[in-house]
């Protein structure tokens, strides 16, 4: 899988990028199908993958993925230059008409999974996760793509919930230096005492190790925050137009804003201001979720991107 991703990434940034920008068939054959094959969806096996297969509703998805003769989901493909966010409603319609909970949308570089239906949400609010083969870390790409593999597709909903729990745990653990320092100090103290059985645990030992760990963590944290906090994003995962599907607006959506925050960009389901507040344990009360988030960010995370005005 890793080598497949690297090969496709090389094609995307290579000399034929202009070809992929305008030729969907080329994208499907050379960028998308190798990924599907690597995920266990053999595109040469009609028992697993049917290409341009019309449905009773006269929908024609690019790829219909099947398992044990049961349709699991659909993949909608676009050329490399396409802003795939614009095509979420089309994919959502395919899934909704067939009663499928999730759908997959890609232009060969950008991949996203949507939840087909959820009350009181717009299509873009239902993006579960999104990645860019060109811009994202390889481990993140593999982790997300694996959730839609043939082996995992039937448990996708469970995997998504588990990821939410893990992301929540990690955020709570690392949202301030003291939390992570305490956890690491406890582990290091145990290892120190194993190696030095003649020494007793006292304030000198704990204080020394705690200070060293806190210093190391602070240095690493500052270094890791340089790119997202101080460098403008030149190549965001999608070519996002600043508009919503229902109402044109100059401000980024909650989904777009969270994708610019290093601590939030890979958290699934953060597609409206209320969900972001819930994830960060921000009390909204009588205030709007966006205003509550804005106040919280200014107070607790001043280096994060500014929460946009509506």
Protein backbone atom coordinates (compact mmCIF):
# COMPACT_ATOMS: atom_id res chain seq x y z
CA UNK A 1 0.00 0.00 0.00
CA UNK A 2 2.76 2.42 0.98
CA UNK A 3 4.62 1.98 -2.30
CA UNK A 4 1.41 2.41 -4.29
CA UNK A 5 0.78 5.74 -2.56
CA UNK A 6 4.34 6.88 -3.22
CA UNK A 7 4.06 5.91 -6.91
CA UNK A 8 0.79 7.81 -7.33
CA UNK A 9 2.15 10.82 -5.49
CA UNK A 10 5.08 10.87 -7.95
CA UNK A 11 2.66 10.81 -10.88
CA UNK A 12 0.59 13.64 -9.43
CA UNK A 13 3.57 15.97 -9.09
CA UNK A 14 5.27 14.71 -12.25
CA UNK A 15 5.37 15.80 -15.88
CA UNK A 16 1.88 14.47 -16.71
CA UNK A 17 -0.01 16.56 -14.16
CA UNK A 18 -1.59 18.68 -16.91
CA UNK A 19 -2.92 15.48 -18.49
CA UNK A 20 -4.53 14.36 -15.22
CA UNK A 21 -5.96 17.86 -14.74
CA UNK A 22 -8.22 17.48 -17.76
CA UNK A 23 -8.54 13.74 -18.40
CA UNK A 24 -10.78 11.86 -15.97
CA UNK A 25 -10.29 8.53 -17.72
CA UNK A 26 -6.53 8.82 -17.24
CA UNK A 27 -7.02 9.70 -13.57
CA UNK A 28 -9.28 6.71 -13.04
CA UNK A 29 -6.94 4.24 -14.71
CA UNK A 30 -3.61 5.47 -13.34
CA UNK A 31 -4.36 7.22 -10.03
CA UNK A 32 -7.59 5.81 -8.60
CA UNK A 33 -7.71 2.16 -9.63
CA UNK A 34 -4.25 1.30 -8.20
CA UNK A 35 -5.49 2.55 -4.81
CA UNK A 36 -8.71 0.53 -5.06
CA UNK A 37 -6.72 -2.55 -6.04
CA UNK A 38 -4.35 -2.07 -3.08
CA UNK A 39 -7.36 -1.79 -0.76
CA UNK A 40 -8.64 -5.17 -1.92
CA UNK A 41 -11.19 -3.82 -4.42
CA UNK A 42 -9.84 -5.56 -7.50
CA UNK A 43 -11.06 -3.45 -10.37
CA UNK A 44 -10.71 -6.36 -12.79
CA UNK A 45 -13.20 -8.47 -10.79
CA UNK A 46 -16.87 -7.63 -11.49
CA UNK A 47 -17.88 -9.51 -8.32
CA UNK A 48 -16.10 -6.75 -6.38
CA UNK A 49 -16.12 -3.67 -8.61
CA UNK A 50 -18.58 -2.68 -11.31
CA UNK A 51 -17.67 0.31 -13.45
CA UNK A 52 -20.34 2.74 -14.66
CA UNK A 53 -23.08 0.31 -13.66
CA UNK A 54 -26.51 2.02 -13.92
CA UNK A 55 -28.96 1.63 -11.04
CA UNK A 56 -32.74 1.34 -11.09
CA UNK A 57 -32.84 5.05 -10.27
CA UNK A 58 -30.79 5.71 -13.44
CA UNK A 59 -27.78 6.82 -11.44
CA UNK A 60 -24.45 5.84 -12.97
CA UNK A 61 -21.71 5.82 -10.30
CA UNK A 62 -18.15 5.54 -11.57
CA UNK A 63 -17.44 2.56 -9.31
CA UNK A 64 -19.87 0.35 -7.41
CA UNK A 65 -18.11 -1.66 -4.70
CA UNK A 66 -19.63 -5.03 -3.79
CA UNK A 67 -19.01 -7.68 -1.18
CA UNK A 68 -20.79 -11.04 -1.18
CA UNK A 69 -23.09 -9.74 -3.97
CA UNK A 70 -24.17 -6.81 -1.78
CA UNK A 71 -23.50 -3.21 -2.77
CA UNK A 72 -21.37 -1.64 -0.03
CA UNK A 73 -20.73 1.85 -1.39
CA UNK A 74 -19.95 3.98 -4.43
CA UNK A 75 -16.84 5.81 -5.61
CA UNK A 76 -17.28 8.94 -7.69
CA UNK A 77 -14.21 10.04 -9.69
CA UNK A 78 -13.23 13.42 -11.10
CA UNK A 79 -10.23 14.79 -12.95
CA UNK A 80 -7.30 16.08 -10.92
CA UNK A 81 -8.17 19.76 -11.29
CA UNK A 82 -11.73 19.30 -9.98
CA UNK A 83 -12.72 20.72 -6.61
CA UNK A 84 -14.34 17.57 -5.30
CA UNK A 85 -16.29 19.46 -2.66
CA UNK A 86 -18.47 20.69 -5.51
CA UNK A 87 -19.51 17.11 -6.30
CA UNK A 88 -20.56 15.94 -2.84
CA UNK A 89 -24.30 16.37 -3.59
CA UNK A 90 -23.99 14.08 -6.63
CA UNK A 91 -22.34 11.31 -4.59
CA UNK A 92 -24.78 11.85 -1.74
CA UNK A 93 -27.69 11.31 -4.13
CA UNK A 94 -26.25 8.00 -5.35
CA UNK A 95 -25.84 6.77 -1.77
CA UNK A 96 -29.19 8.06 -0.56
CA UNK A 97 -31.09 6.46 -3.47
CA UNK A 98 -29.58 3.08 -2.63
CA UNK A 99 -29.70 3.44 1.16
CA UNK A 100 -25.93 3.41 1.59
CA UNK A 101 -24.58 5.18 4.66
CA UNK A 102 -21.21 6.23 3.23
CA UNK A 103 -19.78 7.25 -0.13
CA UNK A 104 -16.29 7.93 -1.51
CA UNK A 105 -15.25 10.85 -3.70
CA UNK A 106 -11.82 11.41 -5.28
CA UNK A 107 -9.93 13.24 -8.00
CA UNK A 108 -6.93 10.94 -7.68
CA UNK A 109 -5.17 13.18 -5.19
CA UNK A 110 -7.91 14.32 -2.81
CA UNK A 111 -10.00 11.56 -1.24
CA UNK A 112 -12.96 12.03 1.07
CA UNK A 113 -15.69 9.95 2.65
CA UNK A 114 -19.15 11.38 3.23
CA UNK A 115 -22.07 10.25 5.32
CA UNK A 116 -24.97 10.15 2.89
CA UNK A 117 -27.73 11.35 5.21
CA UNK A 118 -28.02 13.07 8.57
CA UNK A 119 -30.79 15.33 9.78
CA UNK A 120 -30.35 19.12 9.68
CA UNK A 121 -27.02 19.08 7.86
CA UNK A 122 -25.80 20.23 4.46
CA UNK A 123 -23.84 17.82 2.23
CA UNK A 124 -20.53 19.42 3.12
CA UNK A 125 -21.31 19.08 6.84
CA UNK A 126 -21.34 15.32 6.38
CA UNK A 127 -17.71 14.92 5.30
CA UNK A 128 -16.31 12.21 7.59
CA UNK A 129 -12.65 12.54 6.63
CA UNK A 130 -10.52 13.95 3.84
CA UNK A 131 -6.90 13.48 2.79
CA UNK A 132 -4.52 14.68 0.11
CA UNK A 133 -1.99 12.20 -1.28
CA UNK A 134 0.21 15.10 -2.30
CA UNK A 135 0.17 17.06 0.95
CA UNK A 136 -0.63 14.77 3.87
CA UNK A 137 1.64 12.56 5.95
CA UNK A 138 1.97 9.01 4.62
CA UNK A 139 0.85 7.41 7.88
CA UNK A 140 -2.31 9.54 7.93
CA UNK A 141 -3.07 8.63 4.31
CA UNK A 142 -2.68 4.92 4.99
CA UNK A 143 -4.76 5.13 8.16
CA UNK A 144 -7.69 6.86 6.44
CA UNK A 145 -7.65 4.79 3.24
CA UNK A 146 -7.53 1.55 5.24
CA UNK A 147 -10.97 2.38 6.68
CA UNK A 148 -12.49 1.90 3.20
CA UNK A 149 -10.62 -1.29 2.35
CA UNK A 150 -12.55 -4.40 1.38
CA UNK A 151 -11.67 -5.90 4.77
CA UNK A 152 -12.92 -2.90 6.76
CA UNK A 153 -15.78 -1.43 4.72
CA UNK A 154 -18.52 -3.25 6.65
CA UNK A 155 -17.18 -1.89 9.95
CA UNK A 156 -16.53 1.64 8.68
CA UNK A 157 -19.02 3.19 11.09
CA UNK A 158 -17.37 1.47 14.07
CA UNK A 159 -13.90 2.50 12.88
CA UNK A 160 -15.00 6.12 12.59
CA UNK A 161 -16.39 6.11 16.13
CA UNK A 162 -13.20 4.53 17.44
CA UNK A 163 -11.13 7.21 15.71
CA UNK A 164 -13.25 9.89 17.34
CA UNK A 165 -12.56 8.36 20.77
CA UNK A 166 -8.82 8.14 20.04
CA UNK A 167 -8.64 11.70 18.73
CA UNK A 168 -10.54 12.95 21.74
CA UNK A 169 -8.23 11.08 24.13
CA UNK A 170 -5.12 12.40 22.41
CA UNK A 171 -6.41 15.97 22.34
CA UNK A 172 -7.25 15.90 26.05
CA UNK A 173 -3.86 14.36 26.85
CA UNK A 174 -1.83 16.89 24.87
CA UNK A 175 -3.86 20.09 25.13
CA UNK A 176 -1.41 21.42 27.71
CA UNK A 177 2.21 20.60 28.54
CA UNK A 178 1.47 19.52 32.11
CA UNK A 179 -0.78 16.61 31.10
CA UNK A 180 1.71 14.98 28.77
CA UNK A 181 4.64 15.77 31.06
CA UNK A 182 2.97 13.97 33.96
CA UNK A 183 2.20 10.88 31.90
CA UNK A 184 5.72 10.65 30.48
CA UNK A 185 7.34 11.40 33.84
CA UNK A 186 5.50 8.49 35.47
CA UNK A 187 6.77 6.13 32.78
CA UNK A 188 10.35 7.44 32.89
CA UNK A 189 10.47 7.32 36.71
CA UNK A 190 9.52 3.63 36.63
CA UNK A 191 12.25 2.90 34.08
CA UNK A 192 14.79 4.92 36.11
CA UNK A 193 14.04 2.95 39.27
CA UNK A 194 14.36 -0.35 37.37
CA UNK A 195 17.83 0.63 36.19
CA UNK A 196 18.87 2.09 39.54
CA UNK A 197 17.43 -0.19 42.18
CA UNK A 198 19.71 1.19 44.89
CA UNK A 199 18.13 4.65 44.67
CA UNK A 200 14.90 5.64 46.33
CA UNK A 201 12.16 7.76 44.81
CA UNK A 202 12.30 11.31 46.14
CA UNK A 203 11.63 14.88 45.06
CA UNK A 204 15.10 15.17 43.52
CA UNK A 205 14.49 12.29 41.12
CA UNK A 206 10.95 13.31 40.20
CA UNK A 207 11.82 17.00 39.91
CA UNK A 208 14.88 16.43 37.71
CA UNK A 209 13.13 14.05 35.31
CA UNK A 210 9.97 16.16 35.19
CA UNK A 211 11.92 19.32 34.35
CA UNK A 212 13.90 17.56 31.62
CA UNK A 213 10.78 16.07 30.06
CA UNK A 214 8.86 19.34 30.25
CA UNK A 215 11.74 21.16 28.57
CA UNK A 216 12.06 18.55 25.83
CA UNK A 217 8.31 18.49 25.21
CA UNK A 218 8.13 22.30 25.06
CA UNK A 219 10.96 22.47 22.53
CA UNK A 220 9.34 19.78 20.38
CA UNK A 221 5.91 21.39 20.68
CA UNK A 222 7.24 24.77 19.57
CA UNK A 223 8.98 23.21 16.59
CA UNK A 224 5.91 21.27 15.51
CA UNK A 225 3.75 24.37 15.70
CA UNK A 226 5.86 26.50 13.38
CA UNK A 227 4.32 25.33 10.12
CA UNK A 228 0.60 25.43 10.93
CA UNK A 229 0.75 28.52 13.12
CA UNK A 230 3.11 30.86 11.31
CA UNK A 231 3.38 29.75 7.68
CA UNK A 232 0.52 30.51 5.29
CA UNK A 233 -1.06 27.40 3.78
CA UNK A 234 -0.01 27.41 0.14
CA UNK A 235 -1.50 24.09 -0.92
CA UNK A 236 -4.58 23.16 1.14
CA UNK A 237 -5.95 19.62 0.73
CA UNK A 238 -8.68 20.89 -1.59
CA UNK A 239 -8.99 23.83 -3.90
CA UNK A 240 -11.63 25.28 -1.66
CA UNK A 241 -13.84 28.01 -2.98
CA UNK A 242 -15.14 30.21 -0.18
CA UNK A 243 -18.78 29.40 -0.59
CA UNK A 244 -21.36 27.06 0.81
CA UNK A 245 -23.67 24.86 -1.23
CA UNK A 246 -26.77 26.72 -0.13
CA UNK A 247 -25.59 30.28 0.57
CA UNK A 248 -22.65 32.11 -0.91
CA UNK A 249 -20.41 33.57 1.78
CA UNK A 250 -16.95 35.11 1.93
CA UNK A 251 -15.98 33.34 5.16
CA UNK A 252 -14.57 29.79 5.47
CA UNK A 253 -16.95 27.12 6.75
CA UNK A 254 -16.34 25.24 9.99
CA UNK A 255 -15.04 22.32 7.91
CA UNK A 256 -12.57 24.56 6.07
CA UNK A 257 -11.46 26.28 9.27
CA UNK A 258 -10.87 23.03 11.17
CA UNK A 259 -8.83 21.64 8.25
CA UNK A 260 -6.34 24.48 8.82
CA UNK A 261 -5.81 23.62 12.49
CA UNK A 262 -3.09 21.04 13.06
CA UNK A 263 -4.83 19.60 16.15
CA UNK A 264 -8.18 19.28 14.37
CA UNK A 265 -7.57 18.66 10.67
CA UNK A 266 -7.68 14.85 10.90
CA UNK A 267 -10.48 14.60 13.44
CA UNK A 268 -13.50 13.09 11.66
CA UNK A 269 -16.85 14.83 11.71
CA UNK A 270 -15.84 18.38 12.69
CA UNK A 271 -18.04 19.93 10.04
CA UNK A 272 -19.99 22.57 11.93
CA UNK A 273 -19.22 24.96 14.77
CA UNK A 274 -21.27 23.04 17.33
CA UNK A 275 -19.41 19.79 16.69
CA UNK A 276 -16.08 21.58 17.06
CA UNK A 277 -17.25 23.06 20.38
CA UNK A 278 -18.42 19.63 21.56
CA UNK A 279 -15.06 18.10 20.65
CA UNK A 280 -13.16 20.81 22.54
CA UNK A 281 -15.57 20.63 25.52
CA UNK A 282 -16.59 24.26 25.06
CA UNK A 283 -19.82 25.27 26.77
CA UNK A 284 -22.01 27.09 24.27
CA UNK A 285 -24.91 28.09 26.50
CA UNK A 286 -27.04 30.89 25.05
CA UNK A 287 -24.21 31.99 22.80
CA UNK A 288 -23.77 30.81 19.22
CA UNK A 289 -21.29 27.95 18.78
CA UNK A 290 -19.12 30.07 16.47
CA UNK A 291 -18.90 32.93 18.99
CA UNK A 292 -18.17 30.54 21.83
CA UNK A 293 -15.39 28.94 19.80
CA UNK A 294 -14.00 32.35 18.84
CA UNK A 295 -13.77 33.40 22.49
CA UNK A 296 -12.21 30.09 23.52
CA UNK A 297 -9.58 30.20 20.75
CA UNK A 298 -8.58 33.79 21.61
CA UNK A 299 -8.14 32.82 25.25
CA UNK A 300 -6.61 29.34 24.97
CA UNK A 301 -5.17 28.94 21.47
CA UNK A 302 -4.08 32.37 20.22
CA UNK A 303 -1.76 30.78 17.64
CA UNK A 304 -4.62 28.94 15.91
CA UNK A 305 -6.20 30.52 12.82
CA UNK A 306 -8.78 33.16 13.67
CA UNK A 307 -12.36 31.93 13.77
CA UNK A 308 -14.03 33.69 10.84
CA UNK A 309 -16.89 36.13 11.11
CA UNK A 310 -20.19 34.98 9.61
